[in-house]
C-alpha atoms as a PDB file:
ATOM      1  CA  MET A   1     -32.388 -31.316 -29.482  1.00  0.00           C
ATOM      2  CA  ASN A   2     -29.446 -33.760 -28.792  1.00  0.00           C
ATOM      3  CA  LEU A   3     -29.665 -35.389 -25.647  1.00  0.00           C
ATOM      4  CA  ASP A   4     -27.087 -38.331 -26.327  1.00  0.00           C
ATOM      5  CA  PHE A   5     -25.194 -37.295 -23.042  1.00  0.00           C
ATOM      6  CA  LEU A   6     -27.477 -38.835 -20.912  1.00  0.00           C
ATOM      7  CA  HIS A   7     -26.364 -42.268 -22.107  1.00  0.00           C
ATOM      8  CA  ASN A   8     -22.750 -42.017 -21.274  1.00  0.00           C
ATOM      9  CA  PRO A   9     -22.057 -43.661 -18.204  1.00  0.00           C
ATOM     10  CA  ARG A  10     -19.524 -40.587 -17.470  1.00  0.00           C
ATOM     11  CA  PHE A  11     -21.844 -38.434 -17.479  1.00  0.00           C
ATOM     12  CA  TRP A  12     -23.710 -39.889 -14.363  1.00  0.00           C
ATOM     13  CA  ASP A  13     -20.730 -40.413 -12.876  1.00  0.00           C
ATOM     14  CA  ILE A  14     -19.954 -36.665 -12.793  1.00  0.00           C
ATOM     15  CA  PHE A  15     -23.047 -35.458 -12.245  1.00  0.00           C
ATOM     16  CA  VAL A  16     -23.612 -38.256  -8.873  1.00  0.00           C
ATOM     17  CA  LEU A  17     -20.318 -36.383  -7.639  1.00  0.00           C
ATOM     18  CA  SER A  18     -21.219 -32.812  -8.489  1.00  0.00           C
ATOM     19  CA  LEU A  19     -24.624 -33.979  -6.766  1.00  0.00           C
ATOM     20  CA  PHE A  20     -22.602 -34.927  -3.455  1.00  0.00           C
ATOM     21  CA  ALA A  21     -20.268 -32.131  -3.690  1.00  0.00           C
ATOM     22  CA  ALA A  22     -23.312 -29.791  -3.788  1.00  0.00           C
ATOM     23  CA  ILE A  23     -24.773 -31.631  -0.355  1.00  0.00           C
ATOM     24  CA  ALA A  24     -21.771 -31.429   1.215  1.00  0.00           C
ATOM     25  CA  VAL A  25     -21.086 -27.908   0.800  1.00  0.00           C
ATOM     26  CA  TRP A  26     -24.878 -27.134   2.037  1.00  0.00           C
ATOM     27  CA  ILE A  27     -24.147 -29.063   4.539  1.00  0.00           C
ATOM     28  CA  TRP A  28     -20.763 -27.334   5.502  1.00  0.00           C
ATOM     29  CA  LEU A  29     -22.215 -23.983   5.341  1.00  0.00           C
ATOM     30  CA  SER A  30     -25.545 -24.120   6.983  1.00  0.00           C
ATOM     31  CA  GLN A  31     -23.846 -26.420   9.902  1.00  0.00           C
ATOM     32  CA  GLY A  32     -20.333 -25.953   9.936  1.00  0.00           C
ATOM     33  CA  ALA A  33     -20.300 -24.362  13.502  1.00  0.00           C
ATOM     34  CA  LYS A  34     -22.312 -27.112  15.091  1.00  0.00           C
ATOM     35  CA  ILE A  35     -19.694 -29.446  13.323  1.00  0.00           C
ATOM     36  CA  SER A  36     -16.213 -27.735  14.193  1.00  0.00           C
ATOM     37  CA  ARG A  37     -17.629 -27.486  17.452  1.00  0.00           C
ATOM     38  CA  PHE A  38     -18.561 -31.043  17.699  1.00  0.00           C
ATOM     39  CA  VAL A  39     -14.867 -32.089  16.246  1.00  0.00           C
ATOM     40  CA  SER A  40     -13.465 -30.379  18.809  1.00  0.00           C
ATOM     41  CA  GLU A  41     -15.091 -31.234  21.935  1.00  0.00           C
ATOM     42  CA  THR A  42     -14.659 -34.881  20.646  1.00  0.00           C
ATOM     43  CA  GLY A  43     -11.274 -34.165  20.641  1.00  0.00           C
ATOM     44  CA  ALA A  44     -10.976 -32.853  24.150  1.00  0.00           C
ATOM     45  CA  GLU A  45     -12.718 -35.966  25.144  1.00  0.00           C
ATOM     46  CA  LEU A  46     -10.607 -38.389  23.647  1.00  0.00           C
ATOM     47  CA  LYS A  47      -7.848 -36.723  25.422  1.00  0.00           C
ATOM     48  CA  LYS A  48      -9.262 -37.474  28.730  1.00  0.00           C
ATOM     49  CA  CYS A  49      -9.576 -40.853  27.385  1.00  0.00           C
ATOM     50  CA  SER A  50      -7.734 -43.819  29.371  1.00  0.00           C
ATOM     51  CA  TRP A  51      -6.101 -46.227  26.555  1.00  0.00           C
ATOM     52  CA  PRO A  52      -5.326 -49.890  26.877  1.00  0.00           C
ATOM     53  CA  TRP A  53      -1.671 -49.652  26.189  1.00  0.00           C
ATOM     54  CA  ASN A  54       1.392 -48.217  28.513  1.00  0.00           C
ATOM     55  CA  PRO A  55       3.293 -45.859  26.244  1.00  0.00           C
ATOM     56  CA  ALA A  56       6.248 -46.108  28.267  1.00  0.00           C
ATOM     57  CA  GLU A  57       6.840 -49.790  27.454  1.00  0.00           C
ATOM     58  CA  ARG A  58       8.400 -51.073  23.993  1.00  0.00           C
ATOM     59  CA  GLY A  59       7.187 -53.910  21.371  1.00  0.00           C
ATOM     60  CA  ALA A  60       4.216 -56.612  22.117  1.00  0.00           C
ATOM     61  CA  LYS A  61       4.643 -55.631  25.746  1.00  0.00           C
ATOM     62  CA  LYS A  62       2.746 -52.391  25.238  1.00  0.00           C
ATOM     63  CA  TYR A  63      -0.644 -53.447  23.966  1.00  0.00           C
ATOM     64  CA  LYS A  64      -0.677 -56.828  26.649  1.00  0.00           C
ATOM     65  CA  GLU A  65      -3.818 -54.971  28.422  1.00  0.00           C
ATOM     66  CA  LEU A  66      -5.409 -54.612  24.398  1.00  0.00           C
ATOM     67  CA  ILE A  67      -4.424 -57.975  23.279  1.00  0.00           C
ATOM     68  CA  ASP A  68      -5.793 -59.816  26.861  1.00  0.00           C
ATOM     69  CA  SER A  69      -8.894 -57.614  26.335  1.00  0.00           C
ATOM     70  CA  THR A  70      -9.317 -58.481  22.623  1.00  0.00           C
ATOM     71  CA  LEU A  71      -9.143 -62.031  23.678  1.00  0.00           C
ATOM     72  CA  VAL A  72     -11.503 -62.231  26.408  1.00  0.00           C
ATOM     73  CA  VAL A  73     -13.916 -60.670  24.047  1.00  0.00           C
ATOM     74  CA  ALA A  74     -13.015 -63.069  21.165  1.00  0.00           C
ATOM     75  CA  ILE A  75     -13.676 -66.603  23.579  1.00  0.00           C
ATOM     76  CA  SER A  76     -16.645 -65.071  25.080  1.00  0.00           C
ATOM     77  CA  SER A  77     -18.098 -64.319  21.700  1.00  0.00           C
ATOM     78  CA  LEU A  78     -17.225 -67.874  20.781  1.00  0.00           C
ATOM     79  CA  LEU A  79     -18.722 -69.511  23.897  1.00  0.00           C
ATOM     80  CA  LEU A  80     -21.710 -67.462  23.688  1.00  0.00           C
ATOM     81  CA  ALA A  81     -21.983 -68.791  19.811  1.00  0.00           C
ATOM     82  CA  GLY A  82     -21.680 -72.531  20.603  1.00  0.00           C
ATOM     83  CA  PHE A  83     -24.566 -71.758  23.615  1.00  0.00           C
ATOM     84  CA  VAL A  84     -27.257 -70.265  21.285  1.00  0.00           C
ATOM     85  CA  THR A  85     -26.008 -72.804  18.427  1.00  0.00           C
ATOM     86  CA  SER A  86     -26.457 -75.787  20.902  1.00  0.00           C
ATOM     87  CA  SER A  87     -29.699 -74.399  22.461  1.00  0.00           C
ATOM     88  CA  ASP A  88     -31.080 -73.839  19.211  1.00  0.00           C
ATOM     89  CA  PHE A  89     -30.402 -77.387  17.932  1.00  0.00           C
ATOM     90  CA  LEU A  90     -31.845 -78.705  21.154  1.00  0.00           C
ATOM     91  CA  LEU A  91     -35.053 -76.896  21.236  1.00  0.00           C
ATOM     92  CA  VAL A  92     -35.285 -77.746  17.199  1.00  0.00           C
ATOM     93  CA  LYS A  93     -35.528 -81.287  18.097  1.00  0.00           C
ATOM     94  CA  VAL A  94     -37.524 -81.197  21.404  1.00  0.00           C
ATOM     95  CA  ILE A  95     -40.068 -78.833  19.674  1.00  0.00           C
ATOM     96  CA  GLY A  96     -39.759 -81.511  16.678  1.00  0.00           C
ATOM     97  CA  ALA A  97     -40.718 -84.552  19.059  1.00  0.00           C
ATOM     98  CA  ILE A  98     -43.493 -83.293  20.605  1.00  0.00           C
ATOM     99  CA  THR A  99     -45.075 -82.263  17.551  1.00  0.00           C
ATOM    100  CA  ARG A 100     -44.674 -85.232  15.837  1.00  0.00           C
ATOM    101  CA  LEU A 101     -46.501 -86.938  18.700  1.00  0.00           C
ATOM    102  CA  ARG A 102     -49.988 -85.598  17.771  1.00  0.00           C
END
């Protein structure tokens, strides 16, 4: 029996792709109604959302709230990272000094 095709990487690419396709079809057939309902309910909920931009504005002004919120999050993250880093550095030095006393 000739099994040379098992050493061909292209065979394994096709095999894995076929396996994923078969699993996707099986999931769609077994759970299709639930997936469709989930997607439609998600769309309905997204229509109710308040998005952080004003559609009446033009240019960068349209996204002022979005840009401001993003800057607040970025600056807060940097400040928190600095606090955690300096606290860690200080605690390492203090504990190192205490443990060298023994």
